[in-house]
Amino acid sequence: MQIQNIFEIEGMTLPAGRNTKVFVGPKAPLTARAFVQGYVTVFPDGGIPEHIHANEETYTILSGSGVVRVEDEERQVKAGDCVYMEPGCRHGLENTGEGELIMLFTYSPADIVDHWEQEMKGEL
C-alpha cells in the first residue's frame, strides 16, 4: 500500500499561472504502472497553455470555473465537470473565474509529458 497526502507536496509553479503537484507517476511519491495523476491550482487569470501529447487525459474540476479548449471546441467548465481529451488532440485550460480553479488531471500511459518543460523554456 502507498499513501501520500497531496497537500504535503510542494509542486512546481509554471509560468502560465498555476501550481502542479504530480502525486502518482514516474518520479512522484506514489507509483502506478499505467497512469499519472496530479493536483493543479490555476491562479486567477492563469491557465494551461494549449499543447499536444500522445497521452489520453482527463481534467476534473473540483472548484472554480474556466474555459477548456479541445481542438477547435471551447466550453465553459465548473466544479464537478470532467473533460476527456483523446490522445494527440490539442487542448488547454484558462481560469476565467474570480478565484483559484482547482482540478485533478489523470493521463495514460505513465510517462512525463513534455509540455511542462516546453512551458518553462518559453516555447508554449
N, C-alpha and C. Protein backbone atom coordinates (compact mmCIF):
# COMPACT_ATOMS: atom_id res chain seq x y z
N MET A 1 0.85 -1.18 0.00
CA MET A 1 0.00 0.00 0.00
C MET A 1 0.89 1.23 0.00
N GLN A 2 0.49 2.23 -0.79
CA GLN A 2 1.19 3.52 -0.82
C GLN A 2 0.20 4.61 -0.42
N ILE A 3 0.62 5.52 0.44
CA ILE A 3 -0.23 6.64 0.86
C ILE A 3 0.61 7.91 0.83
N GLN A 4 0.03 8.98 0.28
CA GLN A 4 0.70 10.29 0.25
C GLN A 4 -0.37 11.37 0.41
N ASN A 5 -0.16 12.29 1.30
CA ASN A 5 -1.05 13.43 1.43
C ASN A 5 -0.66 14.45 0.37
N ILE A 6 -1.56 14.73 -0.56
CA ILE A 6 -1.22 15.62 -1.68
C ILE A 6 -0.96 17.05 -1.23
N PHE A 7 -1.48 17.46 -0.10
CA PHE A 7 -1.27 18.82 0.37
C PHE A 7 0.12 19.01 0.98
N GLU A 8 0.86 17.92 1.16
CA GLU A 8 2.23 17.99 1.68
C GLU A 8 3.26 18.06 0.55
N ILE A 9 2.81 18.00 -0.69
CA ILE A 9 3.71 18.08 -1.85
C ILE A 9 3.83 19.53 -2.26
N GLU A 10 5.06 19.99 -2.48
CA GLU A 10 5.29 21.38 -2.87
C GLU A 10 4.80 21.69 -4.27
N GLY A 11 5.07 20.84 -5.21
CA GLY A 11 4.66 21.06 -6.59
C GLY A 11 5.59 22.02 -7.31
N MET A 12 5.24 22.32 -8.55
CA MET A 12 6.03 23.26 -9.35
C MET A 12 5.12 24.37 -9.86
N THR A 13 5.61 25.60 -9.77
CA THR A 13 4.85 26.73 -10.27
C THR A 13 5.31 27.01 -11.69
N LEU A 14 4.34 27.05 -12.59
CA LEU A 14 4.63 27.20 -14.02
C LEU A 14 4.28 28.60 -14.49
N PRO A 15 4.98 29.09 -15.54
CA PRO A 15 4.83 30.47 -15.98
C PRO A 15 3.42 30.90 -16.37
N ALA A 16 2.58 29.98 -16.84
CA ALA A 16 1.24 30.36 -17.29
C ALA A 16 0.29 30.62 -16.13
N GLY A 17 0.77 30.46 -14.87
CA GLY A 17 -0.06 30.83 -13.72
C GLY A 17 -0.74 29.68 -13.03
N ARG A 18 0.05 28.68 -12.64
CA ARG A 18 -0.53 27.56 -11.90
C ARG A 18 0.56 26.84 -11.12
N ASN A 19 0.11 26.05 -10.14
CA ASN A 19 0.99 25.15 -9.40
C ASN A 19 0.51 23.74 -9.66
N THR A 20 1.42 22.87 -10.09
CA THR A 20 1.09 21.49 -10.43
C THR A 20 1.82 20.55 -9.50
N LYS A 21 1.07 19.64 -8.89
CA LYS A 21 1.61 18.62 -7.99
C LYS A 21 1.33 17.25 -8.60
N VAL A 22 2.37 16.57 -9.05
CA VAL A 22 2.20 15.22 -9.57
C VAL A 22 2.37 14.29 -8.37
N PHE A 23 1.32 13.56 -8.03
CA PHE A 23 1.41 12.68 -6.86
C PHE A 23 1.38 11.20 -7.20
N VAL A 24 1.03 10.85 -8.46
CA VAL A 24 1.13 9.47 -8.92
C VAL A 24 1.83 9.49 -10.27
N GLY A 25 2.90 8.72 -10.40
CA GLY A 25 3.59 8.64 -11.68
C GLY A 25 5.08 8.52 -11.51
N PRO A 26 5.81 8.56 -12.63
CA PRO A 26 7.27 8.48 -12.57
C PRO A 26 7.84 9.63 -11.74
N LYS A 27 8.77 9.34 -10.89
CA LYS A 27 9.42 10.32 -10.01
C LYS A 27 8.45 11.02 -9.06
N ALA A 28 7.27 10.47 -8.86
CA ALA A 28 6.27 11.03 -7.94
C ALA A 28 6.27 10.21 -6.65
N PRO A 29 5.66 10.74 -5.59
CA PRO A 29 5.62 10.00 -4.33
C PRO A 29 4.93 8.64 -4.43
N LEU A 30 3.90 8.53 -5.26
CA LEU A 30 3.21 7.25 -5.48
C LEU A 30 3.47 6.80 -6.91
N THR A 31 3.58 5.50 -7.10
CA THR A 31 3.84 5.00 -8.44
C THR A 31 2.66 4.17 -8.95
N ALA A 32 2.49 4.18 -10.25
CA ALA A 32 1.47 3.37 -10.91
C ALA A 32 2.05 2.93 -12.25
N ARG A 33 1.64 1.79 -12.71
CA ARG A 33 2.18 1.25 -13.96
C ARG A 33 1.57 1.92 -15.20
N ALA A 34 0.33 2.36 -15.13
CA ALA A 34 -0.36 2.74 -16.36
C ALA A 34 -0.88 4.18 -16.42
N PHE A 35 -0.71 4.98 -15.35
CA PHE A 35 -1.25 6.34 -15.41
C PHE A 35 -0.47 7.30 -14.52
N VAL A 36 -0.73 8.59 -14.74
CA VAL A 36 -0.18 9.68 -13.94
C VAL A 36 -1.36 10.49 -13.43
N GLN A 37 -1.26 10.98 -12.19
CA GLN A 37 -2.33 11.81 -11.64
C GLN A 37 -1.71 12.98 -10.89
N GLY A 38 -2.39 14.13 -10.95
CA GLY A 38 -1.90 15.31 -10.27
C GLY A 38 -3.00 16.26 -9.86
N TYR A 39 -2.61 17.23 -9.05
CA TYR A 39 -3.50 18.24 -8.48
C TYR A 39 -2.98 19.60 -8.93
N VAL A 40 -3.85 20.41 -9.49
CA VAL A 40 -3.43 21.68 -10.07
C VAL A 40 -4.24 22.83 -9.47
N THR A 41 -3.54 23.86 -9.03
CA THR A 41 -4.16 25.11 -8.63
C THR A 41 -3.87 26.11 -9.74
N VAL A 42 -4.91 26.52 -10.45
CA VAL A 42 -4.76 27.52 -11.51
C VAL A 42 -5.12 28.87 -10.90
N PHE A 43 -4.15 29.76 -10.88
CA PHE A 43 -4.34 31.07 -10.26
C PHE A 43 -5.28 31.94 -11.11
N PRO A 44 -5.91 32.97 -10.53
CA PRO A 44 -6.76 33.86 -11.32
C PRO A 44 -6.01 34.37 -12.55
N ASP A 45 -6.67 34.32 -13.69
CA ASP A 45 -6.12 34.71 -15.00
C ASP A 45 -5.01 33.79 -15.48
N GLY A 46 -4.77 32.68 -14.80
CA GLY A 46 -3.76 31.72 -15.22
C GLY A 46 -4.37 30.63 -16.06
N GLY A 47 -3.54 29.67 -16.44
CA GLY A 47 -4.07 28.58 -17.24
C GLY A 47 -3.04 27.52 -17.57
N ILE A 48 -3.43 26.66 -18.47
CA ILE A 48 -2.58 25.63 -19.05
C ILE A 48 -2.54 25.94 -20.54
N PRO A 49 -1.39 26.33 -21.07
CA PRO A 49 -1.32 26.67 -22.49
C PRO A 49 -1.73 25.48 -23.36
N GLU A 50 -2.30 25.79 -24.52
CA GLU A 50 -2.67 24.72 -25.44
C GLU A 50 -1.42 23.92 -25.80
N HIS A 51 -1.58 22.61 -25.81
CA HIS A 51 -0.48 21.70 -26.07
C HIS A 51 -1.03 20.40 -26.62
N ILE A 52 -0.13 19.56 -27.10
CA ILE A 52 -0.49 18.26 -27.66
C ILE A 52 0.46 17.22 -27.09
N HIS A 53 -0.08 16.07 -26.72
CA HIS A 53 0.76 14.93 -26.36
C HIS A 53 0.04 13.65 -26.73
N ALA A 54 0.77 12.56 -26.72
CA ALA A 54 0.23 11.28 -27.17
C ALA A 54 -0.62 10.58 -26.11
N ASN A 55 -0.74 11.19 -24.93
CA ASN A 55 -1.48 10.57 -23.83
C ASN A 55 -2.96 10.95 -23.89
N GLU A 56 -3.84 10.02 -23.51
CA GLU A 56 -5.22 10.40 -23.26
C GLU A 56 -5.26 11.01 -21.87
N GLU A 57 -6.19 11.94 -21.63
CA GLU A 57 -6.16 12.70 -20.37
C GLU A 57 -7.56 13.13 -19.96
N THR A 58 -7.74 13.31 -18.66
CA THR A 58 -8.95 13.94 -18.13
C THR A 58 -8.56 15.09 -17.23
N TYR A 59 -9.41 16.13 -17.22
CA TYR A 59 -9.35 17.22 -16.25
C TYR A 59 -10.64 17.12 -15.45
N THR A 60 -10.54 17.02 -14.14
CA THR A 60 -11.71 17.02 -13.26
C THR A 60 -11.68 18.30 -12.44
N ILE A 61 -12.65 19.17 -12.65
CA ILE A 61 -12.69 20.46 -11.98
C ILE A 61 -13.30 20.27 -10.59
N LEU A 62 -12.54 20.59 -9.55
CA LEU A 62 -13.01 20.45 -8.17
C LEU A 62 -13.63 21.74 -7.65
N SER A 63 -13.08 22.89 -8.05
CA SER A 63 -13.65 24.18 -7.66
C SER A 63 -13.22 25.24 -8.65
N GLY A 64 -13.98 26.32 -8.69
CA GLY A 64 -13.70 27.40 -9.62
C GLY A 64 -14.38 27.18 -10.96
N SER A 65 -14.00 28.02 -11.92
CA SER A 65 -14.59 27.93 -13.25
C SER A 65 -13.59 28.43 -14.28
N GLY A 66 -13.82 28.01 -15.52
CA GLY A 66 -12.91 28.42 -16.57
C GLY A 66 -13.41 28.01 -17.93
N VAL A 67 -12.50 28.05 -18.89
CA VAL A 67 -12.78 27.68 -20.26
C VAL A 67 -11.76 26.62 -20.66
N VAL A 68 -12.24 25.51 -21.19
CA VAL A 68 -11.37 24.46 -21.71
C VAL A 68 -11.48 24.47 -23.23
N ARG A 69 -10.34 24.29 -23.88
CA ARG A 69 -10.31 24.20 -25.34
C ARG A 69 -9.77 22.83 -25.72
N VAL A 70 -10.51 22.15 -26.58
CA VAL A 70 -10.07 20.86 -27.13
C VAL A 70 -10.23 20.97 -28.64
N GLU A 71 -9.09 20.94 -29.34
CA GLU A 71 -9.06 21.20 -30.77
C GLU A 71 -9.74 22.54 -31.05
N ASP A 72 -10.78 22.58 -31.84
CA ASP A 72 -11.43 23.85 -32.17
C ASP A 72 -12.67 24.13 -31.34
N GLU A 73 -12.92 23.32 -30.32
CA GLU A 73 -14.10 23.49 -29.48
C GLU A 73 -13.72 24.15 -28.15
N GLU A 74 -14.54 25.09 -27.73
CA GLU A 74 -14.31 25.80 -26.47
C GLU A 74 -15.56 25.69 -25.61
N ARG A 75 -15.39 25.30 -24.33
CA ARG A 75 -16.54 25.13 -23.45
C ARG A 75 -16.23 25.69 -22.07
N GLN A 76 -17.28 26.21 -21.41
CA GLN A 76 -17.19 26.64 -20.02
C GLN A 76 -17.14 25.39 -19.14
N VAL A 77 -16.34 25.42 -18.07
CA VAL A 77 -16.29 24.33 -17.11
C VAL A 77 -16.40 24.91 -15.70
N LYS A 78 -16.94 24.08 -14.79
CA LYS A 78 -17.13 24.50 -13.40
C LYS A 78 -16.94 23.28 -12.51
N ALA A 79 -17.01 23.50 -11.21
CA ALA A 79 -16.84 22.41 -10.24
C ALA A 79 -17.76 21.25 -10.58
N GLY A 80 -17.18 20.06 -10.59
CA GLY A 80 -17.93 18.84 -10.88
C GLY A 80 -17.80 18.36 -12.32
N ASP A 81 -17.30 19.22 -13.22
CA ASP A 81 -17.15 18.83 -14.62
C ASP A 81 -15.88 18.00 -14.81
N CYS A 82 -15.98 16.99 -15.66
CA CYS A 82 -14.83 16.17 -16.04
C CYS A 82 -14.72 16.19 -17.56
N VAL A 83 -13.56 16.53 -18.07
CA VAL A 83 -13.33 16.65 -19.51
C VAL A 83 -12.36 15.55 -19.95
N TYR A 84 -12.70 14.84 -21.01
CA TYR A 84 -11.83 13.81 -21.57
C TYR A 84 -11.19 14.34 -22.85
N MET A 85 -9.87 14.16 -22.97
CA MET A 85 -9.15 14.54 -24.18
C MET A 85 -8.52 13.28 -24.79
N GLU A 86 -8.79 13.05 -26.06
CA GLU A 86 -8.23 11.90 -26.77
C GLU A 86 -6.73 12.11 -27.00
N PRO A 87 -5.99 11.02 -27.17
CA PRO A 87 -4.56 11.15 -27.47
C PRO A 87 -4.34 11.97 -28.74
N GLY A 88 -3.32 12.82 -28.71
CA GLY A 88 -2.94 13.57 -29.89
C GLY A 88 -3.77 14.79 -30.21
N CYS A 89 -4.72 15.16 -29.34
CA CYS A 89 -5.52 16.36 -29.62
C CYS A 89 -4.95 17.57 -28.88
N ARG A 90 -5.08 18.73 -29.49
CA ARG A 90 -4.64 20.00 -28.88
C ARG A 90 -5.64 20.38 -27.79
N HIS A 91 -5.14 20.76 -26.60
CA HIS A 91 -6.04 21.14 -25.52
C HIS A 91 -5.35 22.11 -24.55
N GLY A 92 -6.16 22.86 -23.83
CA GLY A 92 -5.67 23.82 -22.85
C GLY A 92 -6.82 24.28 -21.96
N LEU A 93 -6.48 25.03 -20.92
CA LEU A 93 -7.47 25.48 -19.94
C LEU A 93 -7.13 26.87 -19.47
N GLU A 94 -8.14 27.70 -19.28
CA GLU A 94 -7.96 29.06 -18.77
C GLU A 94 -8.90 29.28 -17.59
N ASN A 95 -8.36 29.83 -16.51
CA ASN A 95 -9.18 30.20 -15.36
C ASN A 95 -9.84 31.54 -15.66
N THR A 96 -11.16 31.55 -15.78
CA THR A 96 -11.90 32.79 -16.05
C THR A 96 -12.74 33.22 -14.85
N GLY A 97 -12.61 32.49 -13.74
CA GLY A 97 -13.41 32.78 -12.56
C GLY A 97 -12.77 33.84 -11.67
N GLU A 98 -13.43 34.11 -10.56
CA GLU A 98 -12.99 35.12 -9.60
C GLU A 98 -11.78 34.68 -8.79
N GLY A 99 -11.74 33.40 -8.40
CA GLY A 99 -10.67 32.90 -7.55
C GLY A 99 -9.88 31.80 -8.24
N GLU A 100 -9.26 30.95 -7.45
CA GLU A 100 -8.48 29.85 -7.99
C GLU A 100 -9.39 28.78 -8.59
N LEU A 101 -8.88 28.11 -9.61
CA LEU A 101 -9.53 26.94 -10.18
C LEU A 101 -8.70 25.74 -9.72
N ILE A 102 -9.33 24.78 -9.08
CA ILE A 102 -8.65 23.59 -8.60
C ILE A 102 -9.11 22.40 -9.43
N MET A 103 -8.16 21.61 -9.90
CA MET A 103 -8.51 20.45 -10.72
C MET A 103 -7.56 19.29 -10.48
N LEU A 104 -8.04 18.11 -10.80
CA LEU A 104 -7.21 16.91 -10.86
C LEU A 104 -7.03 16.56 -12.33
N PHE A 105 -5.84 16.08 -12.69
CA PHE A 105 -5.66 15.54 -14.04
C PHE A 105 -5.20 14.10 -13.90
N THR A 106 -5.58 13.31 -14.88
CA THR A 106 -5.11 11.94 -14.98
C THR A 106 -4.81 11.69 -16.45
N TYR A 107 -3.63 11.11 -16.71
CA TYR A 107 -3.34 10.73 -18.08
C TYR A 107 -2.63 9.39 -18.14
N SER A 108 -2.74 8.79 -19.32
CA SER A 108 -2.16 7.47 -19.55
C SER A 108 -1.58 7.47 -20.95
N PRO A 109 -0.44 6.83 -21.18
CA PRO A 109 0.33 6.00 -20.27
C PRO A 109 1.14 6.82 -19.27
N ALA A 110 1.78 6.10 -18.36
CA ALA A 110 2.52 6.72 -17.26
C ALA A 110 3.91 7.16 -17.71
N ASP A 111 3.99 8.38 -18.22
CA ASP A 111 5.28 8.99 -18.54
C ASP A 111 5.20 10.47 -18.18
N ILE A 112 6.28 11.17 -18.35
CA ILE A 112 6.27 12.60 -18.06
C ILE A 112 6.05 13.33 -19.39
N VAL A 113 4.94 14.07 -19.48
CA VAL A 113 4.65 14.81 -20.70
C VAL A 113 5.66 15.95 -20.86
N ASP A 114 5.95 16.31 -22.10
CA ASP A 114 7.00 17.31 -22.34
C ASP A 114 6.51 18.75 -22.32
N HIS A 115 5.21 18.99 -22.23
CA HIS A 115 4.74 20.38 -22.31
C HIS A 115 5.12 21.20 -21.08
N TRP A 116 5.37 20.57 -19.92
CA TRP A 116 5.82 21.34 -18.75
C TRP A 116 7.20 21.94 -19.01
N GLU A 117 8.10 21.12 -19.55
CA GLU A 117 9.45 21.62 -19.87
C GLU A 117 9.39 22.67 -20.97
N GLN A 118 8.54 22.44 -21.96
CA GLN A 118 8.39 23.42 -23.04
C GLN A 118 7.91 24.76 -22.49
N GLU A 119 6.95 24.72 -21.56
CA GLU A 119 6.43 25.96 -20.97
C GLU A 119 7.52 26.67 -20.18
N MET A 120 8.31 25.92 -19.40
CA MET A 120 9.38 26.52 -18.60
C MET A 120 10.43 27.20 -19.51
N LYS A 121 10.63 26.66 -20.72
CA LYS A 121 11.58 27.22 -21.66
C LYS A 121 10.98 28.36 -22.49
N GLY A 122 9.69 28.66 -22.29
CA GLY A 122 9.03 29.72 -23.06
C GLY A 122 8.61 29.31 -24.45
N GLU A 123 8.51 28.00 -24.68
CA GLU A 123 8.15 27.51 -26.01
C GLU A 123 6.65 27.37 -26.20
N LEU A 124 5.85 27.54 -25.15
CA LEU A 124 4.38 27.47 -25.27
C LEU A 124 3.78 28.81 -24.92
